[in-house]
Amino acid sequence: MYFKNLNEAMQSQTRKILYGALVLLCVTFSAFILAKGKDKVAYPVLKERTGALANDPEWLKTKKSVETLYSTLDKKPNDTKTMLLLVKEFMQEARATGNFSYYNKA
């Protein structure tokens, strides 16, 4: 009888420790996401061109321009002029590739 109660007490204590560790882990993970997630902005990306469009010299200029705009937005995330230039590049890419469904959402 004594061993049964002792076993139950140990299981109860183990559960409490495991639940406490799980709660602590979840709180820590949530705090990490909140702290790091606010700084990162996910910008839409250019889709890689295929076929003859991939060999067009204009494609290299477009990629370079978009990369420059991304780096500017990383430094100044609220720069409206840069955002509008990025939108212009995406509109041009939609026209060049005909992939309006992707670039309209982007």
PDB file of N, CA and C in Angstrom:
ATOM      1  N   MET A   1       0.818  -1.191   0.000  1.00  0.00           N
ATOM      2  CA  MET A   1       0.000   0.000   0.000  1.00  0.00           C
ATOM      3  C   MET A   1       0.863   1.257   0.000  1.00  0.00           C
ATOM      4  N   TYR A   2       1.931   1.233   0.759  1.00  0.00           N
ATOM      5  CA  TYR A   2       2.811   2.393   0.865  1.00  0.00           C
ATOM      6  C   TYR A   2       3.482   2.670  -0.475  1.00  0.00           C
ATOM      7  N   PHE A   3       3.900   1.619  -1.183  1.00  0.00           N
ATOM      8  CA  PHE A   3       4.585   1.801  -2.457  1.00  0.00           C
ATOM      9  C   PHE A   3       3.642   2.346  -3.522  1.00  0.00           C
ATOM     10  N   LYS A   4       2.396   1.970  -3.465  1.00  0.00           N
ATOM     11  CA  LYS A   4       1.438   2.464  -4.442  1.00  0.00           C
ATOM     12  C   LYS A   4       1.261   3.973  -4.284  1.00  0.00           C
ATOM     13  N   ASN A   5       1.130   4.440  -3.046  1.00  0.00           N
ATOM     14  CA  ASN A   5       0.978   5.877  -2.812  1.00  0.00           C
ATOM     15  C   ASN A   5       2.258   6.635  -3.162  1.00  0.00           C
ATOM     16  N   LEU A   6       3.401   6.030  -2.858  1.00  0.00           N
ATOM     17  CA  LEU A   6       4.674   6.650  -3.181  1.00  0.00           C
ATOM     18  C   LEU A   6       4.834   6.770  -4.697  1.00  0.00           C
ATOM     19  N   ASN A   7       4.459   5.722  -5.433  1.00  0.00           N
ATOM     20  CA  ASN A   7       4.528   5.730  -6.891  1.00  0.00           C
ATOM     21  C   ASN A   7       3.608   6.809  -7.459  1.00  0.00           C
ATOM     22  N   GLU A   8       2.403   6.916  -6.937  1.00  0.00           N
ATOM     23  CA  GLU A   8       1.463   7.940  -7.395  1.00  0.00           C
ATOM     24  C   GLU A   8       1.990   9.330  -7.082  1.00  0.00           C
ATOM     25  N   ALA A   9       2.609   9.504  -5.921  1.00  0.00           N
ATOM     26  CA  ALA A   9       3.161  10.801  -5.540  1.00  0.00           C
ATOM     27  C   ALA A   9       4.304  11.190  -6.464  1.00  0.00           C
ATOM     28  N   MET A  10       5.148  10.225  -6.823  1.00  0.00           N
ATOM     29  CA  MET A  10       6.258  10.503  -7.722  1.00  0.00           C
ATOM     30  C   MET A  10       5.747  10.849  -9.119  1.00  0.00           C
ATOM     31  N   GLN A  11       4.729  10.133  -9.578  1.00  0.00           N
ATOM     32  CA  GLN A  11       4.161  10.426 -10.889  1.00  0.00           C
ATOM     33  C   GLN A  11       3.530  11.812 -10.891  1.00  0.00           C
ATOM     34  N   SER A  12       2.842  12.170  -9.826  1.00  0.00           N
ATOM     35  CA  SER A  12       2.223  13.483  -9.732  1.00  0.00           C
ATOM     36  C   SER A  12       3.290  14.577  -9.729  1.00  0.00           C
ATOM     37  N   GLN A  13       4.362  14.371  -8.987  1.00  0.00           N
ATOM     38  CA  GLN A  13       5.443  15.345  -8.923  1.00  0.00           C
ATOM     39  C   GLN A  13       6.124  15.473 -10.288  1.00  0.00           C
ATOM     40  N   THR A  14       6.335  14.349 -10.969  1.00  0.00           N
ATOM     41  CA  THR A  14       6.953  14.360 -12.288  1.00  0.00           C
ATOM     42  C   THR A  14       6.076  15.119 -13.276  1.00  0.00           C
ATOM     43  N   ARG A  15       4.787  14.892 -13.224  1.00  0.00           N
ATOM     44  CA  ARG A  15       3.855  15.602 -14.110  1.00  0.00           C
ATOM     45  C   ARG A  15       3.921  17.107 -13.871  1.00  0.00           C
ATOM     46  N   LYS A  16       3.949  17.504 -12.628  1.00  0.00           N
ATOM     47  CA  LYS A  16       4.015  18.930 -12.310  1.00  0.00           C
ATOM     48  C   LYS A  16       5.284  19.556 -12.866  1.00  0.00           C
ATOM     49  N   ILE A  17       6.395  18.856 -12.735  1.00  0.00           N
ATOM     50  CA  ILE A  17       7.663  19.376 -13.250  1.00  0.00           C
ATOM     51  C   ILE A  17       7.621  19.462 -14.777  1.00  0.00           C
ATOM     52  N   LEU A  18       7.103  18.412 -15.423  1.00  0.00           N
ATOM     53  CA  LEU A  18       7.027  18.420 -16.879  1.00  0.00           C
ATOM     54  C   LEU A  18       6.091  19.500 -17.405  1.00  0.00           C
ATOM     55  N   TYR A  19       4.938  19.664 -16.762  1.00  0.00           N
ATOM     56  CA  TYR A  19       4.006  20.710 -17.174  1.00  0.00           C
ATOM     57  C   TYR A  19       4.623  22.089 -16.973  1.00  0.00           C
ATOM     58  N   GLY A  20       5.310  22.286 -15.875  1.00  0.00           N
ATOM     59  CA  GLY A  20       5.976  23.566 -15.621  1.00  0.00           C
ATOM     60  C   GLY A  20       7.041  23.854 -16.662  1.00  0.00           C
ATOM     61  N   ALA A  21       7.822  22.835 -17.016  1.00  0.00           N
ATOM     62  CA  ALA A  21       8.861  23.002 -18.035  1.00  0.00           C
ATOM     63  C   ALA A  21       8.234  23.305 -19.391  1.00  0.00           C
ATOM     64  N   LEU A  22       7.131  22.651 -19.710  1.00  0.00           N
ATOM     65  CA  LEU A  22       6.453  22.880 -20.976  1.00  0.00           C
ATOM     66  C   LEU A  22       5.908  24.309 -21.049  1.00  0.00           C
ATOM     67  N   VAL A  23       5.298  24.772 -19.977  1.00  0.00           N
ATOM     68  CA  VAL A  23       4.774  26.137 -19.937  1.00  0.00           C
ATOM     69  C   VAL A  23       5.918  27.142 -20.075  1.00  0.00           C
ATOM     70  N   LEU A  24       7.002  26.909 -19.370  1.00  0.00           N
ATOM     71  CA  LEU A  24       8.159  27.799 -19.455  1.00  0.00           C
ATOM     72  C   LEU A  24       8.725  27.833 -20.877  1.00  0.00           C
ATOM     73  N   LEU A  25       8.809  26.686 -21.513  1.00  0.00           N
ATOM     74  CA  LEU A  25       9.294  26.607 -22.883  1.00  0.00           C
ATOM     75  C   LEU A  25       8.376  27.373 -23.836  1.00  0.00           C
ATOM     76  N   CYS A  26       7.079  27.217 -23.696  1.00  0.00           N
ATOM     77  CA  CYS A  26       6.117  27.913 -24.558  1.00  0.00           C
ATOM     78  C   CYS A  26       6.188  29.424 -24.366  1.00  0.00           C
ATOM     79  N   VAL A  27       6.291  29.870 -23.133  1.00  0.00           N
ATOM     80  CA  VAL A  27       6.388  31.307 -22.857  1.00  0.00           C
ATOM     81  C   VAL A  27       7.672  31.877 -23.443  1.00  0.00           C
ATOM     82  N   THR A  28       8.770  31.165 -23.283  1.00  0.00           N
ATOM     83  CA  THR A  28      10.047  31.622 -23.830  1.00  0.00           C
ATOM     84  C   THR A  28       9.994  31.689 -25.349  1.00  0.00           C
ATOM     85  N   PHE A  29       9.452  30.675 -25.966  1.00  0.00           N
ATOM     86  CA  PHE A  29       9.347  30.642 -27.424  1.00  0.00           C
ATOM     87  C   PHE A  29       8.445  31.766 -27.931  1.00  0.00           C
ATOM     88  N   SER A  30       7.328  32.002 -27.264  1.00  0.00           N
ATOM     89  CA  SER A  30       6.418  33.086 -27.658  1.00  0.00           C
ATOM     90  C   SER A  30       7.089  34.445 -27.530  1.00  0.00           C
ATOM     91  N   ALA A  31       7.828  34.649 -26.453  1.00  0.00           N
ATOM     92  CA  ALA A  31       8.537  35.917 -26.264  1.00  0.00           C
ATOM     93  C   ALA A  31       9.581  36.115 -27.356  1.00  0.00           C
ATOM     94  N   PHE A  32      10.264  35.064 -27.730  1.00  0.00           N
ATOM     95  CA  PHE A  32      11.270  35.140 -28.790  1.00  0.00           C
ATOM     96  C   PHE A  32      10.619  35.531 -30.122  1.00  0.00           C
ATOM     97  N   ILE A  33       9.493  34.918 -30.434  1.00  0.00           N
ATOM     98  CA  ILE A  33       8.783  35.224 -31.673  1.00  0.00           C
ATOM     99  C   ILE A  33       8.319  36.672 -31.675  1.00  0.00           C
ATOM    100  N   LEU A  34       7.768  37.137 -30.577  1.00  0.00           N
ATOM    101  CA  LEU A  34       7.310  38.517 -30.504  1.00  0.00           C
ATOM    102  C   LEU A  34       8.463  39.505 -30.622  1.00  0.00           C
ATOM    103  N   ALA A  35       9.576  39.193 -29.999  1.00  0.00           N
ATOM    104  CA  ALA A  35      10.714  40.116 -30.024  1.00  0.00           C
ATOM    105  C   ALA A  35      11.372  40.159 -31.398  1.00  0.00           C
ATOM    106  N   LYS A  36      11.568  39.035 -32.029  1.00  0.00           N
ATOM    107  CA  LYS A  36      12.270  38.976 -33.307  1.00  0.00           C
ATOM    108  C   LYS A  36      11.342  39.157 -34.506  1.00  0.00           C
ATOM    109  N   GLY A  37      10.093  38.805 -34.356  1.00  0.00           N
ATOM    110  CA  GLY A  37       9.164  38.848 -35.475  1.00  0.00           C
ATOM    111  C   GLY A  37       8.758  40.239 -35.894  1.00  0.00           C
ATOM    112  N   LYS A  38       8.791  41.200 -35.001  1.00  0.00           N
ATOM    113  CA  LYS A  38       8.367  42.558 -35.327  1.00  0.00           C
ATOM    114  C   LYS A  38       9.353  43.248 -36.262  1.00  0.00           C
ATOM    115  N   ASP A  39      10.621  42.923 -36.160  1.00  0.00           N
ATOM    116  CA  ASP A  39      11.640  43.599 -36.948  1.00  0.00           C
ATOM    117  C   ASP A  39      11.708  43.101 -38.383  1.00  0.00           C
ATOM    118  N   LYS A  40      11.290  41.894 -38.624  1.00  0.00           N
ATOM    119  CA  LYS A  40      11.417  41.305 -39.950  1.00  0.00           C
ATOM    120  C   LYS A  40      10.149  41.562 -40.760  1.00  0.00           C
ATOM    121  N   VAL A  41      10.345  42.118 -41.942  1.00  0.00           N
ATOM    122  CA  VAL A  41       9.248  42.336 -42.868  1.00  0.00           C
ATOM    123  C   VAL A  41       9.478  41.409 -44.051  1.00  0.00           C
ATOM    124  N   ALA A  42       8.477  40.636 -44.367  1.00  0.00           N
ATOM    125  CA  ALA A  42       8.601  39.703 -45.483  1.00  0.00           C
ATOM    126  C   ALA A  42       8.159  40.404 -46.762  1.00  0.00           C
ATOM    127  N   TYR A  43       9.123  40.762 -47.583  1.00  0.00           N
ATOM    128  CA  TYR A  43       8.815  41.393 -48.858  1.00  0.00           C
ATOM    129  C   TYR A  43       8.514  40.313 -49.885  1.00  0.00           C
ATOM    130  N   PRO A  44       7.636  40.617 -50.828  1.00  0.00           N
ATOM    131  CA  PRO A  44       7.398  39.634 -51.887  1.00  0.00           C
ATOM    132  C   PRO A  44       8.650  39.489 -52.746  1.00  0.00           C
ATOM    133  N   VAL A  45       8.775  38.362 -53.360  1.00  0.00           N
ATOM    134  CA  VAL A  45       9.975  38.087 -54.168  1.00  0.00           C
ATOM    135  C   VAL A  45       9.605  37.975 -55.638  1.00  0.00           C
ATOM    136  N   LEU A  46      10.585  38.263 -56.467  1.00  0.00           N
ATOM    137  CA  LEU A  46      10.410  38.062 -57.896  1.00  0.00           C
ATOM    138  C   LEU A  46      10.449  36.571 -58.198  1.00  0.00           C
ATOM    139  N   LYS A  47       9.569  36.129 -59.050  1.00  0.00           N
ATOM    140  CA  LYS A  47       9.618  34.736 -59.484  1.00  0.00           C
ATOM    141  C   LYS A  47      10.652  34.630 -60.598  1.00  0.00           C
ATOM    142  N   GLU A  48      11.413  33.577 -60.557  1.00  0.00           N
ATOM    143  CA  GLU A  48      12.428  33.361 -61.594  1.00  0.00           C
ATOM    144  C   GLU A  48      11.747  33.166 -62.944  1.00  0.00           C
ATOM    145  N   ARG A  49      12.315  33.799 -63.920  1.00  0.00           N
ATOM    146  CA  ARG A  49      11.804  33.643 -65.279  1.00  0.00           C
ATOM    147  C   ARG A  49      12.319  32.336 -65.873  1.00  0.00           C
ATOM    148  N   THR A  50      11.571  31.822 -66.839  1.00  0.00           N
ATOM    149  CA  THR A  50      11.982  30.596 -67.525  1.00  0.00           C
ATOM    150  C   THR A  50      11.954  30.838 -69.027  1.00  0.00           C
ATOM    151  N   GLY A  51      12.598  29.982 -69.740  1.00  0.00           N
ATOM    152  CA  GLY A  51      12.579  30.040 -71.195  1.00  0.00           C
ATOM    153  C   GLY A  51      13.329  31.227 -71.737  1.00  0.00           C
ATOM    154  N   ALA A  52      12.793  31.789 -72.828  1.00  0.00           N
ATOM    155  CA  ALA A  52      13.441  32.910 -73.511  1.00  0.00           C
ATOM    156  C   ALA A  52      13.480  34.154 -72.642  1.00  0.00           C
ATOM    157  N   LEU A  53      12.493  34.322 -71.771  1.00  0.00           N
ATOM    158  CA  LEU A  53      12.464  35.497 -70.889  1.00  0.00           C
ATOM    159  C   LEU A  53      13.630  35.500 -69.906  1.00  0.00           C
ATOM    160  N   ALA A  54      14.127  34.334 -69.551  1.00  0.00           N
ATOM    161  CA  ALA A  54      15.241  34.249 -68.603  1.00  0.00           C
ATOM    162  C   ALA A  54      16.538  34.755 -69.218  1.00  0.00           C
ATOM    163  N   ASN A  55      16.642  34.726 -70.539  1.00  0.00           N
ATOM    164  CA  ASN A  55      17.857  35.163 -71.222  1.00  0.00           C
ATOM    165  C   ASN A  55      17.835  36.637 -71.598  1.00  0.00           C
ATOM    166  N   ASP A  56      16.738  37.298 -71.338  1.00  0.00           N
ATOM    167  CA  ASP A  56      16.599  38.713 -71.681  1.00  0.00           C
ATOM    168  C   ASP A  56      17.500  39.563 -70.784  1.00  0.00           C
ATOM    169  N   PRO A  57      18.298  40.466 -71.340  1.00  0.00           N
ATOM    170  CA  PRO A  57      19.178  41.306 -70.523  1.00  0.00           C
ATOM    171  C   PRO A  57      18.410  42.201 -69.553  1.00  0.00           C
ATOM    172  N   GLU A  58      17.190  42.517 -69.893  1.00  0.00           N
ATOM    173  CA  GLU A  58      16.348  43.346 -69.019  1.00  0.00           C
ATOM    174  C   GLU A  58      16.071  42.637 -67.695  1.00  0.00           C
ATOM    175  N   TRP A  59      16.060  41.302 -67.702  1.00  0.00           N
ATOM    176  CA  TRP A  59      15.799  40.519 -66.500  1.00  0.00           C
ATOM    177  C   TRP A  59      16.890  40.757 -65.453  1.00  0.00           C
ATOM    178  N   LEU A  60      18.126  40.821 -65.891  1.00  0.00           N
ATOM    179  CA  LEU A  60      19.230  41.087 -64.963  1.00  0.00           C
ATOM    180  C   LEU A  60      19.110  42.479 -64.344  1.00  0.00           C
ATOM    181  N   LYS A  61      18.722  43.456 -65.154  1.00  0.00           N
ATOM    182  CA  LYS A  61      18.531  44.813 -64.646  1.00  0.00           C
ATOM    183  C   LYS A  61      17.393  44.849 -63.623  1.00  0.00           C
ATOM    184  N   THR A  62      16.333  44.122 -63.907  1.00  0.00           N
ATOM    185  CA  THR A  62      15.186  44.087 -62.989  1.00  0.00           C
ATOM    186  C   THR A  62      15.587  43.472 -61.660  1.00  0.00           C
ATOM    187  N   LYS A  63      16.296  42.338 -61.704  1.00  0.00           N
ATOM    188  CA  LYS A  63      16.720  41.697 -60.456  1.00  0.00           C
ATOM    189  C   LYS A  63      17.625  42.616 -59.643  1.00  0.00           C
ATOM    190  N   LYS A  64      18.548  43.275 -60.310  1.00  0.00           N
ATOM    191  CA  LYS A  64      19.473  44.188 -59.629  1.00  0.00           C
ATOM    192  C   LYS A  64      18.708  45.359 -59.001  1.00  0.00           C
ATOM    193  N   SER A  65      17.755  45.908 -59.732  1.00  0.00           N
ATOM    194  CA  SER A  65      16.958  47.026 -59.233  1.00  0.00           C
ATOM    195  C   SER A  65      16.144  46.627 -58.000  1.00  0.00           C
ATOM    196  N   VAL A  66      15.534  45.450 -58.061  1.00  0.00           N
ATOM    197  CA  VAL A  66      14.720  44.984 -56.934  1.00  0.00           C
ATOM    198  C   VAL A  66      15.595  44.714 -55.715  1.00  0.00           C
ATOM    199  N   GLU A  67      16.763  44.138 -55.913  1.00  0.00           N
ATOM    200  CA  GLU A  67      17.681  43.903 -54.789  1.00  0.00           C
ATOM    201  C   GLU A  67      18.098  45.224 -54.137  1.00  0.00           C
ATOM    202  N   THR A  68      18.356  46.240 -54.954  1.00  0.00           N
ATOM    203  CA  THR A  68      18.708  47.557 -54.422  1.00  0.00           C
ATOM    204  C   THR A  68      17.550  48.135 -53.613  1.00  0.00           C
ATOM    205  N   LEU A  69      16.341  47.975 -54.121  1.00  0.00           N
ATOM    206  CA  LEU A  69      15.165  48.474 -53.396  1.00  0.00           C
ATOM    207  C   LEU A  69      14.966  47.722 -52.082  1.00  0.00           C
ATOM    208  N   TYR A  70      15.193  46.419 -52.086  1.00  0.00           N
ATOM    209  CA  TYR A  70      15.094  45.639 -50.848  1.00  0.00           C
ATOM    210  C   TYR A  70      16.096  46.133 -49.814  1.00  0.00           C
ATOM    211  N   SER A  71      17.325  46.369 -50.231  1.00  0.00           N
ATOM    212  CA  SER A  71      18.340  46.822 -49.271  1.00  0.00           C
ATOM    213  C   SER A  71      18.000  48.211 -48.735  1.00  0.00           C
ATOM    214  N   THR A  72      17.434  49.070 -49.578  1.00  0.00           N
ATOM    215  CA  THR A  72      17.010  50.386 -49.107  1.00  0.00           C
ATOM    216  C   THR A  72      15.873  50.256 -48.103  1.00  0.00           C
ATOM    217  N   LEU A  73      14.933  49.349 -48.381  1.00  0.00           N
ATOM    218  CA  LEU A  73      13.815  49.154 -47.452  1.00  0.00           C
ATOM    219  C   LEU A  73      14.269  48.511 -46.143  1.00  0.00           C
ATOM    220  N   ASP A  74      15.317  47.710 -46.180  1.00  0.00           N
ATOM    221  CA  ASP A  74      15.849  47.150 -44.934  1.00  0.00           C
ATOM    222  C   ASP A  74      16.398  48.254 -44.046  1.00  0.00           C
ATOM    223  N   LYS A  75      17.008  49.269 -44.667  1.00  0.00           N
ATOM    224  CA  LYS A  75      17.564  50.384 -43.901  1.00  0.00           C
ATOM    225  C   LYS A  75      16.481  51.361 -43.456  1.00  0.00           C
ATOM    226  N   LYS A  76      15.519  51.633 -44.352  1.00  0.00           N
ATOM    227  CA  LYS A  76      14.433  52.575 -44.060  1.00  0.00           C
ATOM    228  C   LYS A  76      13.102  51.902 -44.401  1.00  0.00           C
ATOM    229  N   PRO A  77      12.517  51.134 -43.469  1.00  0.00           N
ATOM    230  CA  PRO A  77      11.313  50.355 -43.786  1.00  0.00           C
ATOM    231  C   PRO A  77      10.078  51.199 -44.119  1.00  0.00           C
ATOM    232  N   ASN A  78      10.029  52.438 -43.688  1.00  0.00           N
ATOM    233  CA  ASN A  78       8.846  53.263 -43.935  1.00  0.00           C
ATOM    234  C   ASN A  78       9.031  54.242 -45.080  1.00  0.00           C
ATOM    235  N   ASP A  79      10.007  54.006 -45.928  1.00  0.00           N
ATOM    236  CA  ASP A  79      10.284  54.882 -47.057  1.00  0.00           C
ATOM    237  C   ASP A  79       9.244  54.637 -48.156  1.00  0.00           C
ATOM    238  N   THR A  80       8.299  55.536 -48.261  1.00  0.00           N
ATOM    239  CA  THR A  80       7.182  55.373 -49.190  1.00  0.00           C
ATOM    240  C   THR A  80       7.640  55.402 -50.641  1.00  0.00           C
ATOM    241  N   LYS A  81       8.591  56.273 -50.948  1.00  0.00           N
ATOM    242  CA  LYS A  81       9.072  56.371 -52.321  1.00  0.00           C
ATOM    243  C   LYS A  81       9.680  55.045 -52.782  1.00  0.00           C
ATOM    244  N   THR A  82      10.470  54.429 -51.919  1.00  0.00           N
ATOM    245  CA  THR A  82      11.087  53.145 -52.264  1.00  0.00           C
ATOM    246  C   THR A  82      10.032  52.057 -52.421  1.00  0.00           C
ATOM    247  N   MET A  83       9.019  52.080 -51.565  1.00  0.00           N
ATOM    248  CA  MET A  83       7.936  51.091 -51.692  1.00  0.00           C
ATOM    249  C   MET A  83       7.216  51.238 -53.026  1.00  0.00           C
ATOM    250  N   LEU A  84       6.977  52.484 -53.423  1.00  0.00           N
ATOM    251  CA  LEU A  84       6.301  52.707 -54.698  1.00  0.00           C
ATOM    252  C   LEU A  84       7.176  52.285 -55.880  1.00  0.00           C
ATOM    253  N   LEU A  85       8.472  52.493 -55.766  1.00  0.00           N
ATOM    254  CA  LEU A  85       9.369  52.023 -56.819  1.00  0.00           C
ATOM    255  C   LEU A  85       9.368  50.494 -56.912  1.00  0.00           C
ATOM    256  N   LEU A  86       9.269  49.837 -55.762  1.00  0.00           N
ATOM    257  CA  LEU A  86       9.186  48.372 -55.759  1.00  0.00           C
ATOM    258  C   LEU A  86       7.881  47.915 -56.404  1.00  0.00           C
ATOM    259  N   VAL A  87       6.793  48.607 -56.105  1.00  0.00           N
ATOM    260  CA  VAL A  87       5.503  48.287 -56.720  1.00  0.00           C
ATOM    261  C   VAL A  87       5.593  48.459 -58.233  1.00  0.00           C
ATOM    262  N   LYS A  88       6.250  49.529 -58.670  1.00  0.00           N
ATOM    263  CA  LYS A  88       6.426  49.767 -60.106  1.00  0.00           C
ATOM    264  C   LYS A  88       7.191  48.620 -60.765  1.00  0.00           C
ATOM    265  N   GLU A  89       8.247  48.165 -60.100  1.00  0.00           N
ATOM    266  CA  GLU A  89       9.023  47.048 -60.644  1.00  0.00           C
ATOM    267  C   GLU A  89       8.171  45.779 -60.758  1.00  0.00           C
ATOM    268  N   PHE A  90       7.336  45.538 -59.762  1.00  0.00           N
ATOM    269  CA  PHE A  90       6.484  44.348 -59.797  1.00  0.00           C
ATOM    270  C   PHE A  90       5.422  44.469 -60.897  1.00  0.00           C
ATOM    271  N   MET A  91       4.909  45.672 -61.088  1.00  0.00           N
ATOM    272  CA  MET A  91       3.941  45.864 -62.172  1.00  0.00           C
ATOM    273  C   MET A  91       4.593  45.629 -63.530  1.00  0.00           C
ATOM    274  N   GLN A  92       5.816  46.135 -63.696  1.00  0.00           N
ATOM    275  CA  GLN A  92       6.548  45.915 -64.947  1.00  0.00           C
ATOM    276  C   GLN A  92       6.826  44.432 -65.165  1.00  0.00           C
ATOM    277  N   GLU A  93       7.172  43.737 -64.090  1.00  0.00           N
ATOM    278  CA  GLU A  93       7.455  42.299 -64.197  1.00  0.00           C
ATOM    279  C   GLU A  93       6.192  41.526 -64.567  1.00  0.00           C
ATOM    280  N   ALA A  94       5.063  41.944 -64.029  1.00  0.00           N
ATOM    281  CA  ALA A  94       3.791  41.302 -64.385  1.00  0.00           C
ATOM    282  C   ALA A  94       3.504  41.491 -65.866  1.00  0.00           C
ATOM    283  N   ARG A  95       3.775  42.678 -66.361  1.00  0.00           N
ATOM    284  CA  ARG A  95       3.558  42.939 -67.793  1.00  0.00           C
ATOM    285  C   ARG A  95       4.521  42.130 -68.661  1.00  0.00           C
ATOM    286  N   ALA A  96       5.756  42.030 -68.222  1.00  0.00           N
ATOM    287  CA  ALA A  96       6.768  41.323 -69.026  1.00  0.00           C
ATOM    288  C   ALA A  96       6.504  39.819 -69.059  1.00  0.00           C
ATOM    289  N   THR A  97       6.084  39.266 -67.921  1.00  0.00           N
ATOM    290  CA  THR A  97       5.911  37.809 -67.848  1.00  0.00           C
ATOM    291  C   THR A  97       4.477  37.356 -68.090  1.00  0.00           C
ATOM    292  N   GLY A  98       3.522  38.251 -67.919  1.00  0.00           N
ATOM    293  CA  GLY A  98       2.116  37.872 -68.044  1.00  0.00           C
ATOM    294  C   GLY A  98       1.583  37.173 -66.805  1.00  0.00           C
ATOM    295  N   ASN A  99       2.361  37.144 -65.731  1.00  0.00           N
ATOM    296  CA  ASN A  99       1.957  36.478 -64.487  1.00  0.00           C
ATOM    297  C   ASN A  99       1.285  37.493 -63.557  1.00  0.00           C
ATOM    298  N   PHE A 100       0.123  37.968 -63.975  1.00  0.00           N
ATOM    299  CA  PHE A 100      -0.575  38.997 -63.214  1.00  0.00           C
ATOM    300  C   PHE A 100      -1.129  38.467 -61.895  1.00  0.00           C
ATOM    301  N   SER A 101      -1.532  37.211 -61.859  1.00  0.00           N
ATOM    302  CA  SER A 101      -2.125  36.671 -60.628  1.00  0.00           C
ATOM    303  C   SER A 101      -1.121  36.695 -59.476  1.00  0.00           C
ATOM    304  N   TYR A 102       0.137  36.382 -59.746  1.00  0.00           N
ATOM    305  CA  TYR A 102       1.139  36.402 -58.680  1.00  0.00           C
ATOM    306  C   TYR A 102       1.511  37.832 -58.303  1.00  0.00           C
ATOM    307  N   TYR A 103       1.814  38.655 -59.312  1.00  0.00           N
ATOM    308  CA  TYR A 103       2.341  39.987 -59.023  1.00  0.00           C
ATOM    309  C   TYR A 103       1.264  40.945 -58.506  1.00  0.00           C
ATOM    310  N   ASN A 104       0.003  40.724 -58.822  1.00  0.00           N
ATOM    311  CA  ASN A 104      -1.060  41.556 -58.235  1.00  0.00           C
ATOM    312  C   ASN A 104      -1.133  41.333 -56.728  1.00  0.00           C
ATOM    313  N   LYS A 105      -0.974  40.076 -56.293  1.00  0.00           N
ATOM    314  CA  LYS A 105      -0.994  39.776 -54.866  1.00  0.00           C
ATOM    315  C   LYS A 105       0.277  40.292 -54.182  1.00  0.00           C
ATOM    316  N   ALA A 106       1.391  40.181 -54.889  1.00  0.00           N
ATOM    317  CA  ALA A 106       2.669  40.622 -54.318  1.00  0.00           C
ATOM    318  C   ALA A 106       2.651  42.125 -54.117  1.00  0.00           C
TER     319      ALA A 106
END
